[in-house]
Amino acid sequence: MTLDVRNQFLLVLFRYKYLKLDKNYIFKVYGMESDTSFLLIGALATQANTTKDTIRHYDEMGLLKSRKRQAGSRLYTEFHPECIERIKMIKGAQAIGFTLNEFKRHLNDHFNGTLNIDKDLITISKKLTEAKRQKTEIINTINQLSACYTILEEIKSENIGFISNSEWGKRIAAHLSLT
């Protein structure tokens, strides 16, 4: 008995449990849903408002969910739609001072639903301490720049044109003591 191509295909589906009989003896196909929701790199870059190079870098680091698909002689990388949200979270974490390596575990734990609160508290506490230190440095820099600006305005208005290093130091010290 020879089977035509259609029946051979149905037999393969049945053998690998993709094709099953329901309670009304009607064949249903299971487990072969279309994966049209997966995104190619260009579409992901556009939707996540980033570059293809950034996506490749994140993918190499294991921050994104991707899979390879062969199409003829080409190999394509496809990305899960969840990657859009992942990229937004990564960008947000970077904006508040996290490195990609620091944030990687947290990101994967978030999507797996397995947060380690004690470890996260320690990590965020360290980041908070570092941010406060940077804030102090920035405030000091702003104060110094403001003092320099004020002194230069004074020199210009006094039509001096030049002051000695010692005079400059005295004026800076005087302005900084006022702040």
Foldseek 3Di string as FASTA:
>chain_A
DDDDPVVVVVVVQVVVVQWDQDPVRDIDGPDPDDPPQWAFLVVLCVLLVHDSVVVVVCVVVVQFDWDWDDDPPDITITGHPCVSVSSVVQVVCVVLPDDCVRCRVVSVCVVVVHDDVVVVVVSVVVSVVVVVVVVVVVVVVVQQVVQVVVVVVVCVVVVVPDDDPVVSVVSSVVSSVVD
